[in-house]
């Protein structure tokens, strides 16, 4: 059964991407004094620099700001003034100091899920910035464990689960990023609730995941998260029960291949064995079908959205 539920932070608990978009819009306006920003394709060139610098600076506003400075120097052939470099730094500071704006209904959703499950918070980004946002959010008290990581991939999730002491089958992740919150968790064998946000950073886009997975639910708002978590947990419990019954019948069929005859000699009881095996096969197919069906609770699997 699912015992631990983890929440992503940025754009799952509070608004984030919009602040970065605003900073990048102001950045392009600033660069317009030096270059034709449309012709220079500023957004794509900045993204290339950010992608290259992830291993150096990590994720977050500080890494974005350093990449903005580097890209501005390159795109203006080093003509950008020290005053405008300072303005770029101020754009990054504004993102760092922006007030935390919780998503509608998220406080109630977190409290609801916490009534039945142990909560974790797993987020990536700059350590100081994420710590500050978590503190300002007022949500930290709900979480049994808070992880601020440099990357959200299969090894990272496996490390967290190992340290908590649980198997993937007991874990569910709630988040908005296909590449960070959904795909690696499903690949690990855990469950997920996908809550798309209307904005997605380009470096988080383009990551596919198995939308047909019975371990996945998709919702459109924070208010739907608790029902989706419980539906996934219920599906998991039903799947385990059917799987146990399937394995039991299969073992019985195998043991019945040889039956004891009237004389005490062992011989094949073909008719009985064939009927038993047919039953086991039907049960196995029922297990697969029922495991793939969403719980009848109004929350639909991602494949049905």
C-alpha atoms as a PDB file:
ATOM      1  CA  UNK A   1       0.000   0.000   0.000  1.00  0.00           C
ATOM      2  CA  UNK A   2       1.061   3.595  -0.533  1.00  0.00           C
ATOM      3  CA  UNK A   3       2.270   5.085   2.743  1.00  0.00           C
ATOM      4  CA  UNK A   4       4.391   8.074   1.667  1.00  0.00           C
ATOM      5  CA  UNK A   5       3.363  10.938  -0.621  1.00  0.00           C
ATOM      6  CA  UNK A   6       5.833  13.556  -1.842  1.00  0.00           C
ATOM      7  CA  UNK A   7       4.985  16.983  -3.216  1.00  0.00           C
ATOM      8  CA  UNK A   8       7.024  19.032  -5.661  1.00  0.00           C
ATOM      9  CA  UNK A   9       7.334  22.702  -4.687  1.00  0.00           C
ATOM     10  CA  UNK A  10       7.645  25.191  -7.584  1.00  0.00           C
ATOM     11  CA  UNK A  11       4.410  25.448  -9.601  1.00  0.00           C
ATOM     12  CA  UNK A  12       2.896  22.627  -7.534  1.00  0.00           C
ATOM     13  CA  UNK A  13       2.658  24.337  -4.144  1.00  0.00           C
ATOM     14  CA  UNK A  14       3.312  27.916  -5.235  1.00  0.00           C
ATOM     15  CA  UNK A  15       3.684  30.007  -8.400  1.00  0.00           C
ATOM     16  CA  UNK A  16       7.217  30.149  -9.769  1.00  0.00           C
ATOM     17  CA  UNK A  17       7.721  30.019 -13.542  1.00  0.00           C
ATOM     18  CA  UNK A  18       5.817  33.264 -14.106  1.00  0.00           C
ATOM     19  CA  UNK A  19       8.410  35.188 -12.072  1.00  0.00           C
ATOM     20  CA  UNK A  20      11.224  33.834 -14.256  1.00  0.00           C
ATOM     21  CA  UNK A  21       9.264  34.691 -17.409  1.00  0.00           C
ATOM     22  CA  UNK A  22       8.822  38.281 -16.181  1.00  0.00           C
ATOM     23  CA  UNK A  23      12.562  38.585 -15.501  1.00  0.00           C
ATOM     24  CA  UNK A  24      13.430  37.271 -18.956  1.00  0.00           C
ATOM     25  CA  UNK A  25      10.975  39.684 -20.588  1.00  0.00           C
ATOM     26  CA  UNK A  26      12.648  42.611 -18.797  1.00  0.00           C
ATOM     27  CA  UNK A  27      16.023  41.178 -19.868  1.00  0.00           C
ATOM     28  CA  UNK A  28      15.042  41.279 -23.542  1.00  0.00           C
ATOM     29  CA  UNK A  29      13.817  44.844 -23.149  1.00  0.00           C
ATOM     30  CA  UNK A  30      17.182  45.800 -21.674  1.00  0.00           C
ATOM     31  CA  UNK A  31      19.118  44.139 -24.501  1.00  0.00           C
ATOM     32  CA  UNK A  32      17.015  45.930 -27.112  1.00  0.00           C
ATOM     33  CA  UNK A  33      19.233  48.980 -26.541  1.00  0.00           C
ATOM     34  CA  UNK A  34      22.135  47.004 -28.011  1.00  0.00           C
ATOM     35  CA  UNK A  35      20.775  44.485 -30.497  1.00  0.00           C
ATOM     36  CA  UNK A  36      17.717  43.570 -32.549  1.00  0.00           C
ATOM     37  CA  UNK A  37      16.268  41.133 -30.021  1.00  0.00           C
ATOM     38  CA  UNK A  38      13.937  39.503 -32.538  1.00  0.00           C
ATOM     39  CA  UNK A  39      16.719  38.853 -35.008  1.00  0.00           C
ATOM     40  CA  UNK A  40      19.158  37.776 -32.275  1.00  0.00           C
ATOM     41  CA  UNK A  41      16.709  35.145 -31.004  1.00  0.00           C
ATOM     42  CA  UNK A  42      17.518  36.103 -27.437  1.00  0.00           C
ATOM     43  CA  UNK A  43      15.331  33.505 -25.748  1.00  0.00           C
ATOM     44  CA  UNK A  44      16.889  30.557 -27.588  1.00  0.00           C
ATOM     45  CA  UNK A  45      20.442  31.798 -27.073  1.00  0.00           C
ATOM     46  CA  UNK A  46      19.864  32.377 -23.370  1.00  0.00           C
ATOM     47  CA  UNK A  47      18.377  28.889 -23.064  1.00  0.00           C
ATOM     48  CA  UNK A  48      21.479  27.409 -24.695  1.00  0.00           C
ATOM     49  CA  UNK A  49      23.698  29.180 -22.162  1.00  0.00           C
ATOM     50  CA  UNK A  50      21.494  28.064 -19.251  1.00  0.00           C
ATOM     51  CA  UNK A  51      21.550  24.470 -20.455  1.00  0.00           C
ATOM     52  CA  UNK A  52      25.343  24.542 -20.676  1.00  0.00           C
ATOM     53  CA  UNK A  53      25.664  26.098 -17.227  1.00  0.00           C
ATOM     54  CA  UNK A  54      23.333  23.757 -15.318  1.00  0.00           C
ATOM     55  CA  UNK A  55      26.249  21.537 -14.286  1.00  0.00           C
ATOM     56  CA  UNK A  56      28.153  24.594 -13.044  1.00  0.00           C
ATOM     57  CA  UNK A  57      25.515  26.715 -11.362  1.00  0.00           C
ATOM     58  CA  UNK A  58      22.584  24.340 -10.881  1.00  0.00           C
ATOM     59  CA  UNK A  59      18.923  25.287 -11.174  1.00  0.00           C
ATOM     60  CA  UNK A  60      17.260  28.447  -9.915  1.00  0.00           C
ATOM     61  CA  UNK A  61      17.402  32.216 -10.031  1.00  0.00           C
ATOM     62  CA  UNK A  62      21.132  32.513  -9.340  1.00  0.00           C
ATOM     63  CA  UNK A  63      22.045  30.213 -12.196  1.00  0.00           C
ATOM     64  CA  UNK A  64      19.635  32.075 -14.468  1.00  0.00           C
ATOM     65  CA  UNK A  65      21.171  35.428 -13.530  1.00  0.00           C
ATOM     66  CA  UNK A  66      24.742  34.302 -14.183  1.00  0.00           C
ATOM     67  CA  UNK A  67      23.648  32.852 -17.511  1.00  0.00           C
ATOM     68  CA  UNK A  68      21.902  36.127 -18.380  1.00  0.00           C
ATOM     69  CA  UNK A  69      25.107  38.057 -17.758  1.00  0.00           C
ATOM     70  CA  UNK A  70      27.195  35.631 -19.810  1.00  0.00           C
ATOM     71  CA  UNK A  71      24.720  35.625 -22.700  1.00  0.00           C
ATOM     72  CA  UNK A  72      24.366  39.429 -22.657  1.00  0.00           C
ATOM     73  CA  UNK A  73      28.126  39.905 -22.938  1.00  0.00           C
ATOM     74  CA  UNK A  74      28.264  37.456 -25.847  1.00  0.00           C
ATOM     75  CA  UNK A  75      25.228  38.818 -27.709  1.00  0.00           C
ATOM     76  CA  UNK A  76      26.384  42.471 -27.422  1.00  0.00           C
ATOM     77  CA  UNK A  77      29.998  41.633 -28.293  1.00  0.00           C
ATOM     78  CA  UNK A  78      30.959  42.879 -24.817  1.00  0.00           C
ATOM     79  CA  UNK A  79      29.382  46.316 -25.447  1.00  0.00           C
ATOM     80  CA  UNK A  80      26.920  46.031 -22.574  1.00  0.00           C
ATOM     81  CA  UNK A  81      27.625  48.575 -19.833  1.00  0.00           C
ATOM     82  CA  UNK A  82      28.387  47.893 -16.203  1.00  0.00           C
ATOM     83  CA  UNK A  83      25.160  49.744 -15.319  1.00  0.00           C
ATOM     84  CA  UNK A  84      23.105  47.293 -17.395  1.00  0.00           C
ATOM     85  CA  UNK A  85      25.000  44.323 -15.966  1.00  0.00           C
ATOM     86  CA  UNK A  86      23.901  45.608 -12.560  1.00  0.00           C
ATOM     87  CA  UNK A  87      20.317  45.805 -13.832  1.00  0.00           C
ATOM     88  CA  UNK A  88      20.493  42.152 -14.895  1.00  0.00           C
ATOM     89  CA  UNK A  89      21.689  41.215 -11.410  1.00  0.00           C
ATOM     90  CA  UNK A  90      18.735  43.149  -9.970  1.00  0.00           C
ATOM     91  CA  UNK A  91      16.355  41.118 -12.139  1.00  0.00           C
ATOM     92  CA  UNK A  92      17.702  37.971 -10.497  1.00  0.00           C
ATOM     93  CA  UNK A  93      17.456  39.494  -7.023  1.00  0.00           C
ATOM     94  CA  UNK A  94      13.816  40.379  -7.685  1.00  0.00           C
ATOM     95  CA  UNK A  95      13.062  36.704  -8.434  1.00  0.00           C
ATOM     96  CA  UNK A  96      14.871  35.621  -5.280  1.00  0.00           C
ATOM     97  CA  UNK A  97      12.937  38.083  -3.121  1.00  0.00           C
ATOM     98  CA  UNK A  98       9.519  37.678  -4.708  1.00  0.00           C
ATOM     99  CA  UNK A  99       6.816  36.834  -2.148  1.00  0.00           C
ATOM    100  CA  UNK A 100       5.588  33.247  -2.110  1.00  0.00           C
ATOM    101  CA  UNK A 101       2.151  32.951  -3.727  1.00  0.00           C
ATOM    102  CA  UNK A 102       0.484  29.646  -2.911  1.00  0.00           C
ATOM    103  CA  UNK A 103      -1.680  27.975  -5.547  1.00  0.00           C
ATOM    104  CA  UNK A 104      -5.430  28.079  -4.833  1.00  0.00           C
ATOM    105  CA  UNK A 105      -6.564  25.199  -2.646  1.00  0.00           C
ATOM    106  CA  UNK A 106      -3.078  23.785  -2.029  1.00  0.00           C
ATOM    107  CA  UNK A 107      -3.120  24.313   1.762  1.00  0.00           C
ATOM    108  CA  UNK A 108      -6.332  22.316   2.084  1.00  0.00           C
ATOM    109  CA  UNK A 109      -5.032  19.636  -0.296  1.00  0.00           C
ATOM    110  CA  UNK A 110      -1.789  19.145   1.623  1.00  0.00           C
ATOM    111  CA  UNK A 111      -3.633  18.985   4.950  1.00  0.00           C
ATOM    112  CA  UNK A 112      -6.103  16.456   3.539  1.00  0.00           C
ATOM    113  CA  UNK A 113      -3.404  14.149   2.165  1.00  0.00           C
ATOM    114  CA  UNK A 114      -1.429  14.463   5.422  1.00  0.00           C
ATOM    115  CA  UNK A 115      -4.374  12.967   7.325  1.00  0.00           C
ATOM    116  CA  UNK A 116      -3.762   9.560   5.717  1.00  0.00           C
ATOM    117  CA  UNK A 117      -0.161   9.550   4.470  1.00  0.00           C
ATOM    118  CA  UNK A 118       3.342  10.551   5.550  1.00  0.00           C
ATOM    119  CA  UNK A 119       4.335  13.614   3.530  1.00  0.00           C
ATOM    120  CA  UNK A 120       7.679  14.468   1.934  1.00  0.00           C
ATOM    121  CA  UNK A 121       8.708  17.565   0.004  1.00  0.00           C
ATOM    122  CA  UNK A 122      11.148  16.968  -2.863  1.00  0.00           C
ATOM    123  CA  UNK A 123      12.274  19.998  -4.841  1.00  0.00           C
ATOM    124  CA  UNK A 124      15.298  20.987  -6.889  1.00  0.00           C
ATOM    125  CA  UNK A 125      16.941  24.387  -7.173  1.00  0.00           C
ATOM    126  CA  UNK A 126      19.190  26.728  -5.265  1.00  0.00           C
ATOM    127  CA  UNK A 127      19.436  25.591  -1.639  1.00  0.00           C
ATOM    128  CA  UNK A 128      19.080  29.021   0.012  1.00  0.00           C
ATOM    129  CA  UNK A 129      16.275  30.149  -2.290  1.00  0.00           C
ATOM    130  CA  UNK A 130      14.260  26.951  -1.859  1.00  0.00           C
ATOM    131  CA  UNK A 131      14.758  26.995   1.915  1.00  0.00           C
ATOM    132  CA  UNK A 132      13.541  30.600   2.032  1.00  0.00           C
ATOM    133  CA  UNK A 133      10.437  29.847  -0.051  1.00  0.00           C
ATOM    134  CA  UNK A 134       9.587  26.799   2.038  1.00  0.00           C
ATOM    135  CA  UNK A 135       9.879  28.854   5.229  1.00  0.00           C
ATOM    136  CA  UNK A 136       7.769  31.703   3.817  1.00  0.00           C
ATOM    137  CA  UNK A 137       5.121  29.318   2.497  1.00  0.00           C
ATOM    138  CA  UNK A 138       4.007  28.246   5.970  1.00  0.00           C
ATOM    139  CA  UNK A 139       3.707  24.644   4.747  1.00  0.00           C
ATOM    140  CA  UNK A 140       6.895  23.135   6.146  1.00  0.00           C
ATOM    141  CA  UNK A 141       5.183  21.749   9.241  1.00  0.00           C
ATOM    142  CA  UNK A 142       3.171  19.283   7.159  1.00  0.00           C
ATOM    143  CA  UNK A 143       6.232  17.497   5.805  1.00  0.00           C
ATOM    144  CA  UNK A 144       8.009  14.682   7.605  1.00  0.00           C
ATOM    145  CA  UNK A 145      11.089  15.158   5.417  1.00  0.00           C
ATOM    146  CA  UNK A 146      12.231  17.963   3.070  1.00  0.00           C
ATOM    147  CA  UNK A 147      14.700  17.223   0.271  1.00  0.00           C
ATOM    148  CA  UNK A 148      16.293  20.001  -1.825  1.00  0.00           C
ATOM    149  CA  UNK A 149      18.188  18.176  -4.543  1.00  0.00           C
ATOM    150  CA  UNK A 150      20.386  19.125  -7.490  1.00  0.00           C
ATOM    151  CA  UNK A 151      18.480  16.843  -9.881  1.00  0.00           C
ATOM    152  CA  UNK A 152      15.240  14.862  -9.792  1.00  0.00           C
ATOM    153  CA  UNK A 153      16.071  11.635 -11.572  1.00  0.00           C
ATOM    154  CA  UNK A 154      15.808   7.913 -10.865  1.00  0.00           C
ATOM    155  CA  UNK A 155      19.007   7.686  -8.732  1.00  0.00           C
ATOM    156  CA  UNK A 156      17.891  10.666  -6.631  1.00  0.00           C
ATOM    157  CA  UNK A 157      14.434   9.251  -5.972  1.00  0.00           C
ATOM    158  CA  UNK A 158      15.923   5.841  -5.201  1.00  0.00           C
ATOM    159  CA  UNK A 159      18.323   7.419  -2.701  1.00  0.00           C
ATOM    160  CA  UNK A 160      15.481   9.226  -0.953  1.00  0.00           C
ATOM    161  CA  UNK A 161      13.371   6.069  -0.755  1.00  0.00           C
ATOM    162  CA  UNK A 162      16.336   4.072   0.561  1.00  0.00           C
ATOM    163  CA  UNK A 163      16.971   6.665   3.271  1.00  0.00           C
ATOM    164  CA  UNK A 164      13.295   6.746   4.236  1.00  0.00           C
ATOM    165  CA  UNK A 165      13.256   2.940   4.194  1.00  0.00           C
ATOM    166  CA  UNK A 166      10.406   2.253   1.781  1.00  0.00           C
ATOM    167  CA  UNK A 167       9.955   0.396  -1.495  1.00  0.00           C
ATOM    168  CA  UNK A 168       8.803   2.262  -4.637  1.00  0.00           C
ATOM    169  CA  UNK A 169       5.412   0.524  -4.382  1.00  0.00           C
ATOM    170  CA  UNK A 170       4.742   2.502  -1.200  1.00  0.00           C
ATOM    171  CA  UNK A 171       5.605   5.889  -2.738  1.00  0.00           C
ATOM    172  CA  UNK A 172       3.622   8.452  -4.733  1.00  0.00           C
ATOM    173  CA  UNK A 173       4.838  11.765  -6.189  1.00  0.00           C
ATOM    174  CA  UNK A 174       2.654  14.819  -6.824  1.00  0.00           C
ATOM    175  CA  UNK A 175       4.017  17.378  -9.275  1.00  0.00           C
ATOM    176  CA  UNK A 176       3.695  19.468 -12.421  1.00  0.00           C
ATOM    177  CA  UNK A 177       6.887  18.563 -14.304  1.00  0.00           C
ATOM    178  CA  UNK A 178       6.780  15.573 -16.672  1.00  0.00           C
ATOM    179  CA  UNK A 179      10.563  15.222 -16.657  1.00  0.00           C
ATOM    180  CA  UNK A 180      11.242  15.779 -12.961  1.00  0.00           C
ATOM    181  CA  UNK A 181       8.129  14.631 -11.114  1.00  0.00           C
ATOM    182  CA  UNK A 182       6.427  12.021 -13.277  1.00  0.00           C
ATOM    183  CA  UNK A 183       8.667  10.108 -15.717  1.00  0.00           C
ATOM    184  CA  UNK A 184      11.453   9.067 -13.267  1.00  0.00           C
ATOM    185  CA  UNK A 185       8.957   8.091 -10.572  1.00  0.00           C
ATOM    186  CA  UNK A 186       6.940   5.862 -12.898  1.00  0.00           C
ATOM    187  CA  UNK A 187      10.158   4.338 -14.265  1.00  0.00           C
ATOM    188  CA  UNK A 188      11.157   3.500 -10.700  1.00  0.00           C
ATOM    189  CA  UNK A 189       7.905   1.599 -10.157  1.00  0.00           C
ATOM    190  CA  UNK A 190       6.230   4.179  -7.921  1.00  0.00           C
ATOM    191  CA  UNK A 191       2.977   6.081  -8.476  1.00  0.00           C
ATOM    192  CA  UNK A 192       2.348   9.679  -9.483  1.00  0.00           C
ATOM    193  CA  UNK A 193      -0.301  12.383  -9.634  1.00  0.00           C
ATOM    194  CA  UNK A 194       0.332  14.806 -12.480  1.00  0.00           C
ATOM    195  CA  UNK A 195      -0.930  18.368 -11.911  1.00  0.00           C
ATOM    196  CA  UNK A 196      -0.042  20.383 -15.044  1.00  0.00           C
ATOM    197  CA  UNK A 197       0.742  24.070 -14.566  1.00  0.00           C
ATOM    198  CA  UNK A 198      -0.109  26.541 -17.333  1.00  0.00           C
ATOM    199  CA  UNK A 199       3.570  27.488 -17.730  1.00  0.00           C
ATOM    200  CA  UNK A 200       6.489  25.073 -18.119  1.00  0.00           C
ATOM    201  CA  UNK A 201      10.173  25.957 -18.389  1.00  0.00           C
ATOM    202  CA  UNK A 202      11.598  24.913 -21.754  1.00  0.00           C
ATOM    203  CA  UNK A 203      14.197  22.685 -20.095  1.00  0.00           C
ATOM    204  CA  UNK A 204      11.421  20.746 -18.368  1.00  0.00           C
ATOM    205  CA  UNK A 205       9.484  20.251 -21.608  1.00  0.00           C
ATOM    206  CA  UNK A 206       9.887  17.395 -24.071  1.00  0.00           C
ATOM    207  CA  UNK A 207      10.015  14.621 -21.482  1.00  0.00           C
ATOM    208  CA  UNK A 208       7.537  11.864 -22.221  1.00  0.00           C
ATOM    209  CA  UNK A 209       6.042   9.384 -19.787  1.00  0.00           C
ATOM    210  CA  UNK A 210       3.666   6.448 -19.968  1.00  0.00           C
ATOM    211  CA  UNK A 211       0.244   8.094 -19.963  1.00  0.00           C
ATOM    212  CA  UNK A 212      -1.393   4.657 -19.900  1.00  0.00           C
ATOM    213  CA  UNK A 213       0.274   3.612 -16.648  1.00  0.00           C
ATOM    214  CA  UNK A 214      -2.259   2.402 -14.050  1.00  0.00           C
ATOM    215  CA  UNK A 215      -0.009   4.038 -11.444  1.00  0.00           C
ATOM    216  CA  UNK A 216      -0.679   7.515 -12.864  1.00  0.00           C
ATOM    217  CA  UNK A 217      -3.504   9.968 -12.221  1.00  0.00           C
ATOM    218  CA  UNK A 218      -3.890  13.422 -13.760  1.00  0.00           C
ATOM    219  CA  UNK A 219      -5.858  16.277 -12.227  1.00  0.00           C
ATOM    220  CA  UNK A 220      -6.472  19.897 -13.120  1.00  0.00           C
ATOM    221  CA  UNK A 221      -6.408  21.591  -9.728  1.00  0.00           C
ATOM    222  CA  UNK A 222      -5.049  21.271  -6.217  1.00  0.00           C
ATOM    223  CA  UNK A 223      -8.545  20.472  -4.933  1.00  0.00           C
ATOM    224  CA  UNK A 224      -8.480  17.213  -6.912  1.00  0.00           C
ATOM    225  CA  UNK A 225      -5.159  15.986  -5.518  1.00  0.00           C
ATOM    226  CA  UNK A 226      -6.426  14.161  -2.365  1.00  0.00           C
ATOM    227  CA  UNK A 227      -8.973  12.094  -4.311  1.00  0.00           C
ATOM    228  CA  UNK A 228      -6.354  11.219  -6.939  1.00  0.00           C
ATOM    229  CA  UNK A 229      -3.864  10.109  -4.280  1.00  0.00           C
ATOM    230  CA  UNK A 230      -6.450   7.903  -2.585  1.00  0.00           C
ATOM    231  CA  UNK A 231      -7.637   6.492  -5.918  1.00  0.00           C
ATOM    232  CA  UNK A 232      -4.084   5.505  -6.769  1.00  0.00           C
ATOM    233  CA  UNK A 233      -3.593   3.950  -3.352  1.00  0.00           C
ATOM    234  CA  UNK A 234      -6.851   2.016  -3.678  1.00  0.00           C
ATOM    235  CA  UNK A 235      -5.894   0.781  -7.139  1.00  0.00           C
ATOM    236  CA  UNK A 236      -2.572  -0.397  -5.793  1.00  0.00           C
ATOM    237  CA  UNK A 237      -4.235  -2.325  -2.954  1.00  0.00           C
ATOM    238  CA  UNK A 238      -6.724  -4.003  -5.319  1.00  0.00           C
ATOM    239  CA  UNK A 239      -3.935  -4.856  -7.767  1.00  0.00           C
ATOM    240  CA  UNK A 240      -1.882  -6.535  -5.042  1.00  0.00           C
ATOM    241  CA  UNK A 241      -4.897  -8.608  -3.910  1.00  0.00           C
ATOM    242  CA  UNK A 242      -5.628  -9.818  -7.444  1.00  0.00           C
ATOM    243  CA  UNK A 243      -1.953 -10.546  -8.064  1.00  0.00           C
ATOM    244  CA  UNK A 244      -1.733 -12.651  -4.911  1.00  0.00           C
ATOM    245  CA  UNK A 245      -4.819 -14.629  -5.955  1.00  0.00           C
ATOM    246  CA  UNK A 246      -3.371 -15.092  -9.441  1.00  0.00           C
ATOM    247  CA  UNK A 247      -0.051 -16.397  -8.098  1.00  0.00           C
ATOM    248  CA  UNK A 248      -1.862 -18.755  -5.710  1.00  0.00           C
ATOM    249  CA  UNK A 249      -3.960 -20.305  -8.472  1.00  0.00           C
ATOM    250  CA  UNK A 250      -0.955 -20.618 -10.760  1.00  0.00           C
ATOM    251  CA  UNK A 251       0.991 -22.460  -8.062  1.00  0.00           C
ATOM    252  CA  UNK A 252      -1.994 -24.747  -7.423  1.00  0.00           C
ATOM    253  CA  UNK A 253      -2.240 -25.547 -11.113  1.00  0.00           C
ATOM    254  CA  UNK A 254       1.443 -26.392 -11.265  1.00  0.00           C
ATOM    255  CA  UNK A 255       1.222 -28.636  -8.214  1.00  0.00           C
ATOM    256  CA  UNK A 256      -1.786 -30.402  -9.678  1.00  0.00           C
ATOM    257  CA  UNK A 257       0.033 -31.427 -12.854  1.00  0.00           C
ATOM    258  CA  UNK A 258       0.765 -34.750 -11.207  1.00  0.00           C
ATOM    259  CA  UNK A 259      -2.042 -36.350  -9.224  1.00  0.00           C
ATOM    260  CA  UNK A 260      -2.084 -39.453  -7.061  1.00  0.00           C
ATOM    261  CA  UNK A 261      -3.846 -42.403  -8.745  1.00  0.00           C
ATOM    262  CA  UNK A 262      -5.841 -45.188  -7.035  1.00  0.00           C
ATOM    263  CA  UNK A 263      -2.765 -47.393  -6.909  1.00  0.00           C
ATOM    264  CA  UNK A 264      -0.668 -44.728  -5.300  1.00  0.00           C
ATOM    265  CA  UNK A 265       1.297 -44.096  -8.509  1.00  0.00           C
ATOM    266  CA  UNK A 266       1.652 -40.493  -9.660  1.00  0.00           C
ATOM    267  CA  UNK A 267       0.067 -39.776 -13.047  1.00  0.00           C
ATOM    268  CA  UNK A 268      -1.176 -36.776 -15.063  1.00  0.00           C
ATOM    269  CA  UNK A 269      -4.786 -35.815 -14.439  1.00  0.00           C
ATOM    270  CA  UNK A 270      -5.174 -34.014 -17.777  1.00  0.00           C
ATOM    271  CA  UNK A 271      -8.815 -32.978 -17.615  1.00  0.00           C
ATOM    272  CA  UNK A 272      -8.584 -31.514 -14.127  1.00  0.00           C
ATOM    273  CA  UNK A 273      -5.249 -29.813 -14.806  1.00  0.00           C
ATOM    274  CA  UNK A 274      -6.497 -28.278 -18.051  1.00  0.00           C
ATOM    275  CA  UNK A 275      -9.575 -26.834 -16.325  1.00  0.00           C
ATOM    276  CA  UNK A 276      -7.482 -25.489 -13.456  1.00  0.00           C
ATOM    277  CA  UNK A 277      -4.974 -23.905 -15.809  1.00  0.00           C
ATOM    278  CA  UNK A 278      -7.791 -22.303 -17.815  1.00  0.00           C
ATOM    279  CA  UNK A 279      -9.111 -20.822 -14.580  1.00  0.00           C
ATOM    280  CA  UNK A 280      -5.663 -19.513 -13.632  1.00  0.00           C
ATOM    281  CA  UNK A 281      -5.234 -17.896 -17.055  1.00  0.00           C
ATOM    282  CA  UNK A 282      -8.647 -16.198 -16.802  1.00  0.00           C
ATOM    283  CA  UNK A 283      -7.811 -14.878 -13.335  1.00  0.00           C
ATOM    284  CA  UNK A 284      -4.457 -13.561 -14.572  1.00  0.00           C
ATOM    285  CA  UNK A 285      -6.191 -11.703 -17.377  1.00  0.00           C
ATOM    286  CA  UNK A 286      -8.724 -10.286 -14.927  1.00  0.00           C
ATOM    287  CA  UNK A 287      -5.855  -9.067 -12.754  1.00  0.00           C
ATOM    288  CA  UNK A 288      -4.272  -7.229 -15.665  1.00  0.00           C
ATOM    289  CA  UNK A 289      -7.599  -5.707 -16.714  1.00  0.00           C
ATOM    290  CA  UNK A 290      -8.620  -4.599 -13.240  1.00  0.00           C
ATOM    291  CA  UNK A 291      -5.171  -3.222 -12.449  1.00  0.00           C
ATOM    292  CA  UNK A 292      -5.364  -1.023 -15.534  1.00  0.00           C
ATOM    293  CA  UNK A 293      -8.826   0.324 -14.699  1.00  0.00           C
ATOM    294  CA  UNK A 294      -9.078   3.575 -12.706  1.00  0.00           C
ATOM    295  CA  UNK A 295     -10.904   3.504  -9.420  1.00  0.00           C
ATOM    296  CA  UNK A 296     -14.552   4.447  -9.712  1.00  0.00           C
ATOM    297  CA  UNK A 297     -14.243   7.658  -7.743  1.00  0.00           C
ATOM    298  CA  UNK A 298     -14.427  10.417 -10.320  1.00  0.00           C
ATOM    299  CA  UNK A 299     -10.653  10.746 -10.757  1.00  0.00           C
ATOM    300  CA  UNK A 300      -9.489   9.573 -14.141  1.00  0.00           C
ATOM    301  CA  UNK A 301      -6.177   8.148 -15.280  1.00  0.00           C
ATOM    302  CA  UNK A 302      -3.974  10.365 -17.405  1.00  0.00           C
ATOM    303  CA  UNK A 303      -4.699   8.319 -20.502  1.00  0.00           C
ATOM    304  CA  UNK A 304      -8.368   9.218 -20.226  1.00  0.00           C
ATOM    305  CA  UNK A 305      -7.920  12.959 -19.973  1.00  0.00           C
END
